[in-house]
Protein backbone atom coordinates (compact mmCIF):
# COMPACT_ATOMS: atom_id res chain seq x y z
CA MET A 1 0.00 0.00 0.00
CA ALA A 2 2.80 2.35 0.92
CA ALA A 3 4.70 1.36 -2.21
CA GLY A 4 1.71 2.14 -4.34
CA SER A 5 1.27 5.58 -2.77
CA ASN A 6 4.86 6.51 -3.55
CA ALA A 7 4.44 5.80 -7.27
CA PRO A 8 5.14 8.88 -9.45
CA ILE A 9 2.13 10.72 -10.82
CA ILE A 10 2.39 11.10 -14.56
CA VAL A 11 0.51 14.07 -16.04
CA ARG A 12 0.07 14.08 -19.78
CA ARG A 13 -0.48 17.42 -21.41
CA ARG A 14 -2.03 17.35 -24.82
CA ARG A 15 -1.12 20.05 -27.32
CA ILE A 16 -4.26 21.29 -28.98
CA ILE A 17 -3.68 22.69 -32.45
CA ASP A 18 -6.31 25.04 -33.85
CA GLU A 19 -6.76 23.81 -37.39
CA ASP A 20 -8.63 26.95 -38.40
CA ASP A 21 -5.69 29.22 -37.52
CA SER A 22 -3.21 27.62 -39.88
CA HIS A 23 -5.33 25.99 -42.56
CA GLY A 24 -8.45 28.19 -42.81
CA GLY A 25 -9.36 29.25 -46.39
CA ALA A 26 -12.00 31.93 -45.90
CA TRP A 27 -9.49 34.78 -46.09
CA LYS A 28 -8.06 33.36 -49.28
CA ILE A 29 -11.45 33.50 -50.97
CA ALA A 30 -11.97 37.08 -49.83
CA TYR A 31 -8.51 38.05 -51.04
CA ALA A 32 -9.11 36.40 -54.41
CA ASP A 33 -12.35 38.36 -54.80
CA PHE A 34 -10.50 41.57 -53.96
CA VAL A 35 -7.74 40.88 -56.49
CA THR A 36 -10.32 40.05 -59.17
CA ALA A 37 -12.22 43.26 -58.49
CA MET A 38 -9.04 45.33 -58.67
CA MET A 39 -8.05 43.66 -61.92
CA ALA A 40 -11.46 44.46 -63.42
CA PHE A 41 -11.21 48.04 -62.16
CA PHE A 42 -7.82 48.66 -63.75
CA MET A 43 -8.98 46.98 -66.95
CA VAL A 44 -11.88 49.43 -67.14
CA LEU A 45 -9.48 52.33 -66.58
CA TRP A 46 -7.24 51.02 -69.34
CA LEU A 47 -10.17 50.69 -71.75
CA ILE A 48 -11.33 54.22 -71.00
CA GLY A 49 -7.86 55.58 -71.63
CA SER A 50 -7.26 53.64 -74.84
CA THR A 51 -10.57 54.31 -76.63
CA THR A 52 -11.88 57.40 -78.34
CA GLU A 53 -15.06 59.24 -77.40
CA ASP A 54 -16.87 57.77 -80.41
CA GLN A 55 -15.83 54.24 -79.46
CA ARG A 56 -17.04 54.75 -75.89
CA LYS A 57 -20.32 56.09 -77.27
CA GLY A 58 -20.65 53.00 -79.43
CA ILE A 59 -20.02 50.70 -76.48
CA ALA A 60 -22.55 52.60 -74.37
CA ASP A 61 -25.15 52.40 -77.14
CA TYR A 62 -24.54 48.66 -77.44
CA PHE A 63 -25.54 48.05 -73.81
CA ALA A 64 -28.26 50.75 -73.73
CA PRO A 65 -29.35 50.99 -77.37
CA SER A 66 -31.77 53.39 -78.95
CA THR A 67 -34.42 52.49 -81.49
CA ARG A 68 -33.42 53.95 -84.82
CA ILE A 69 -36.13 55.12 -87.20
CA SER A 70 -33.72 55.08 -90.11
CA SER A 71 -33.06 52.08 -92.32
CA ILE A 72 -29.38 53.04 -92.48
CA THR A 73 -27.04 50.78 -90.53
CA GLY A 74 -23.37 51.09 -89.83
CA SER A 75 -20.63 50.25 -92.27
CA SER A 76 -19.11 46.79 -92.31
CA ASP A 77 -16.00 48.00 -90.52
CA SER A 78 -17.88 49.63 -87.66
CA ILE A 79 -17.55 48.54 -84.08
CA PHE A 80 -20.68 46.37 -84.47
CA GLY A 81 -19.65 44.73 -87.73
CA GLY A 82 -22.21 46.53 -89.88
CA ASP A 83 -25.28 45.97 -87.69
CA SER A 84 -26.30 49.05 -85.78
CA PRO A 85 -27.56 48.00 -82.33
CA GLY A 86 -30.36 50.52 -82.68
CA SER A 87 -31.67 49.48 -86.08
CA LEU A 88 -35.23 48.27 -86.31
CA ASP A 89 -34.28 44.87 -87.70
CA THR A 90 -31.82 44.06 -84.92
CA LEU A 91 -33.49 45.53 -81.85
CA ALA A 92 -36.88 45.32 -80.27
CA ASP A 93 -38.33 48.60 -79.04
CA THR A 94 -36.94 49.17 -75.55
CA GLY A 95 -38.75 52.44 -74.99
CA GLU A 96 -35.50 54.36 -74.54
CA SER A 97 -35.45 56.76 -77.49
CA PHE A 98 -35.94 57.23 -81.19
CA SER A 99 -32.68 57.82 -82.99
CA HIS A 100 -32.40 58.83 -86.61
CA GLY A 101 -29.01 58.05 -88.12
CA VAL A 102 -28.72 60.65 -90.84
CA ALA A 103 -25.32 59.87 -92.27
CA GLY A 104 -24.81 56.26 -91.22
CA GLU A 105 -21.25 55.84 -90.05
CA ALA A 106 -20.45 59.46 -90.78
CA ASP A 107 -16.97 60.36 -89.68
CA TYR A 108 -14.86 63.45 -89.35
CA ALA A 109 -12.78 62.04 -92.21
CA GLN A 110 -15.54 63.00 -94.63
CA PHE A 111 -14.19 66.56 -94.47
CA ASP A 112 -10.66 65.47 -95.40
CA ASP A 113 -11.39 64.80 -99.09
CA ALA A 114 -10.89 67.42 -101.80
CA GLU A 115 -14.53 68.49 -101.87
CA GLY A 116 -14.76 68.75 -98.11
CA THR A 117 -11.54 70.72 -97.87
CA SER A 118 -12.70 73.29 -100.39
CA ALA A 119 -16.12 73.54 -98.77
CA PHE A 120 -14.67 74.36 -95.38
CA ALA A 121 -11.46 76.11 -96.37
CA ALA A 122 -12.97 79.46 -95.41
CA ALA A 123 -13.94 78.26 -91.94
CA GLY A 124 -12.20 80.16 -89.19
CA THR A 125 -10.39 78.87 -86.18
CA MET A 126 -13.12 79.80 -83.71
CA THR A 127 -13.23 77.49 -80.71
CA LEU A 128 -16.39 76.02 -79.27
CA GLU A 129 -16.11 78.41 -76.34
CA ASP A 130 -15.96 81.35 -78.75
CA LEU A 131 -19.03 80.05 -80.55
CA ALA A 132 -21.00 79.92 -77.30
CA ASP A 133 -19.87 83.44 -76.40
CA ALA A 134 -20.91 84.76 -79.81
CA LEU A 135 -24.33 83.11 -79.56
CA LEU A 136 -25.11 84.54 -76.13
CA GLY A 137 -23.27 87.83 -76.54
CA ARG A 138 -20.73 87.36 -73.77
CA GLY A 139 -18.24 90.20 -74.12
CA GLY A 140 -20.06 91.67 -77.11
CA GLU A 141 -23.32 91.88 -79.01
CA SER A 142 -25.39 88.71 -79.26
CA VAL A 143 -26.71 87.42 -82.57
CA LEU A 144 -30.00 86.72 -80.77
CA SER A 145 -32.70 89.04 -79.55
CA ASP A 146 -33.25 89.37 -75.82
CA ALA A 147 -36.47 87.34 -76.08
CA ALA A 148 -34.72 84.49 -77.89
CA ARG A 149 -31.66 84.51 -75.65
CA ARG A 150 -33.85 83.68 -72.64
CA HIS A 151 -34.45 80.25 -74.17
CA VAL A 152 -30.78 79.29 -74.59
CA VAL A 153 -28.15 77.86 -72.27
CA THR A 154 -24.79 76.37 -73.24
CA ARG A 155 -22.42 73.96 -71.56
CA LEU A 156 -19.23 72.12 -72.44
CA ALA A 157 -19.52 68.34 -72.12
CA ASP A 158 -17.35 65.37 -73.03
CA ASP A 159 -19.05 65.19 -76.43
CA GLY A 160 -18.56 68.86 -77.18
CA LEU A 161 -20.49 72.12 -76.91
CA VAL A 162 -24.14 71.50 -76.00
CA ILE A 163 -26.54 74.29 -76.92
CA GLU A 164 -29.82 73.67 -75.13
CA VAL A 165 -32.94 75.50 -76.27
CA PHE A 166 -35.91 75.18 -73.91
CA ALA A 167 -39.50 76.36 -73.71
CA LEU A 168 -40.73 78.86 -71.14
CA PRO A 169 -44.21 79.32 -69.67
CA GLY A 170 -46.21 81.11 -72.34
CA ALA A 171 -43.34 80.86 -74.82
CA PRO A 172 -43.23 77.41 -76.45
CA LEU A 173 -40.70 76.25 -79.02
CA PHE A 174 -43.26 74.60 -81.30
CA GLU A 175 -46.84 75.62 -81.98
CA ARG A 176 -48.54 72.35 -82.89
CA GLY A 177 -46.69 69.13 -83.40
CA ALA A 178 -43.32 69.96 -84.95
CA GLU A 179 -44.15 73.43 -86.31
CA PRO A 180 -41.51 75.83 -84.90
CA THR A 181 -42.33 79.23 -83.47
CA PRO A 182 -40.63 82.39 -84.83
CA THR A 183 -38.35 82.37 -81.78
CA THR A 184 -37.19 78.83 -82.55
CA ALA A 185 -36.60 79.76 -86.18
CA GLU A 186 -34.55 82.80 -85.11
CA ILE A 187 -32.35 80.72 -82.81
CA LEU A 188 -31.70 78.02 -85.40
CA THR A 189 -31.00 80.53 -88.17
CA ALA A 190 -28.42 82.25 -85.99
CA LEU A 191 -26.93 78.91 -85.00
CA ALA A 192 -26.65 77.85 -88.63
CA GLY A 193 -24.77 81.06 -89.41
CA LEU A 194 -22.33 80.57 -86.54
CA SER A 195 -21.76 76.94 -87.53
CA ALA A 196 -19.88 78.16 -90.61
CA LEU A 197 -17.11 79.38 -88.30
CA VAL A 198 -16.25 75.85 -87.13
CA VAL A 199 -16.01 72.49 -88.87
CA ASN A 200 -17.31 70.27 -86.08
CA PRO A 201 -20.08 67.78 -86.88
CA LEU A 202 -23.39 68.18 -85.08
CA ALA A 203 -25.78 65.98 -83.14
CA ILE A 204 -29.41 66.91 -82.55
CA ALA A 205 -31.63 65.61 -79.73
CA ASP A 206 -35.17 66.52 -78.69
CA HIS A 207 -37.06 66.05 -75.43
CA VAL A 208 -40.75 66.52 -74.66
CA PRO A 209 -42.71 66.66 -71.38
CA SER A 210 -44.78 63.72 -70.23
CA GLN A 211 -48.46 63.59 -71.12
CA PRO A 212 -50.93 64.27 -68.28
CA VAL A 213 -53.07 61.33 -69.43
CA ILE A 214 -51.70 57.84 -70.03
CA LEU A 215 -52.52 56.86 -73.60
CA ALA A 216 -52.49 53.43 -75.19
CA GLN A 217 -49.95 54.71 -77.74
CA SER A 218 -47.84 57.51 -76.33
CA PRO A 219 -47.09 60.22 -78.92
CA VAL A 220 -43.93 61.44 -77.20
CA TRP A 221 -41.58 59.20 -79.18
CA ARG A 222 -42.76 60.21 -82.62
CA LEU A 223 -43.18 63.84 -81.56
CA SER A 224 -39.62 64.15 -80.25
CA ALA A 225 -38.24 62.44 -83.36
CA ASP A 226 -40.24 64.72 -85.67
CA ARG A 227 -39.09 67.82 -83.81
CA ALA A 228 -35.45 66.74 -83.97
CA ASP A 229 -35.82 66.29 -87.71
CA ARG A 230 -37.48 69.70 -88.00
CA VAL A 231 -34.53 71.27 -86.20
CA ARG A 232 -32.27 69.62 -88.77
CA GLN A 233 -34.32 71.05 -91.63
CA LEU A 234 -34.14 74.58 -90.23
CA LEU A 235 -30.37 74.34 -89.71
CA GLU A 236 -29.87 73.17 -93.28
CA ALA A 237 -32.18 75.91 -94.54
CA GLY A 238 -29.95 78.38 -92.71
CA GLY A 239 -26.87 77.19 -94.59
CA LEU A 240 -25.56 74.21 -92.60
CA ASP A 241 -24.01 71.49 -94.77
CA SER A 242 -26.12 68.35 -94.35
CA ARG A 243 -22.98 66.18 -94.23
CA ARG A 244 -22.07 67.68 -90.87
CA ILE A 245 -25.13 66.31 -89.10
CA ARG A 246 -24.01 63.15 -87.33
CA ARG A 247 -27.22 61.90 -85.69
CA LEU A 248 -30.78 62.79 -84.71
CA THR A 249 -32.29 61.45 -81.50
CA GLY A 250 -35.78 61.68 -80.06
CA HIS A 251 -35.66 60.92 -76.34
CA GLY A 252 -39.38 61.20 -75.73
CA ASP A 253 -40.06 62.07 -72.09
CA ARG A 254 -37.39 59.77 -70.61
CA GLN A 255 -34.80 62.43 -69.70
CA PRO A 256 -36.66 65.28 -67.96
CA ALA A 257 -34.72 68.39 -67.01
CA ALA A 258 -37.09 69.25 -64.15
CA ALA A 259 -38.31 67.13 -61.25
CA ASP A 260 -41.90 67.48 -62.45
CA PRO A 261 -42.24 65.35 -65.61
CA LEU A 262 -45.05 67.63 -66.83
CA ALA A 263 -43.02 70.84 -66.44
CA VAL A 264 -42.62 73.15 -69.43
CA ARG A 265 -38.85 73.15 -68.84
CA ASN A 266 -38.74 69.55 -70.08
CA ASP A 267 -39.78 70.72 -73.55
CA ARG A 268 -36.40 71.33 -75.15
CA PHE A 269 -33.93 70.35 -77.84
CA GLU A 270 -30.14 70.20 -77.91
CA VAL A 271 -27.70 70.92 -80.71
CA THR A 272 -24.25 69.56 -79.88
CA PHE A 273 -21.11 70.58 -81.74
CA LEU A 274 -19.09 67.39 -81.38
CA ARG A 275 -15.44 67.54 -80.47
CA ARG A 276 -12.95 66.43 -83.08
CA PRO A 277 -10.87 63.35 -82.21
CA PRO A 278 -7.17 63.92 -81.40
CA GLY A 279 -5.02 64.36 -84.47
CA ARG A 280 -7.80 65.74 -86.64
């Protein structure tokens, strides 16, 4: 008994290893997701830096296309291989906008041939900023009357110089349908005259307010497209070369300028003098 009580007591200590600390994989998955996201981010930055404004516009139109009312599609060497994403035979109506491609795949290069060079040889070196100043009379006399100038605002965007002409309460831009008022005709005549001082192509877009009553067939699409085309006609009547018009777009009531979709301020059209690509 005494011998048994003097026996050494052996204590065994077990080393517990936390498997999760050394072999867990959750952080690896999170890190892989982070690396993938960063790679995609820098790829987007690279694409933005390596493409032109027209190419980015084409990519944007591919993912958010417009419905073209023209039967003209792009050329076979265009970014979409000859099929315009907005043509009626390749796209169902998405309700985004009516777009009228006037010159197909018109390009700035159309002014580089002999005929184009002679036609625009007399054009000055006025910048887009100078054109906006001349239209609104900043630093001098405006080509517009005071009543017409109240309808016009300008801004410089990525595409170029945007000249926005909007209706005012009691002073619409169009009487009935697409029939322009004398004020609208005055603005477009002056704009056509100033356009001779630059060689930039133009884009025309029209917007209309929403209708107070929901109709089975909303007229806003056709109305905005007709008004955009009427703006084109007035510019050409004022002396603008038709080859310079790059596109017509009717946005319907989908891009209101005011919070109230029925507001008069939403009744407007835009004439954009597009920037020339680098090297042109």
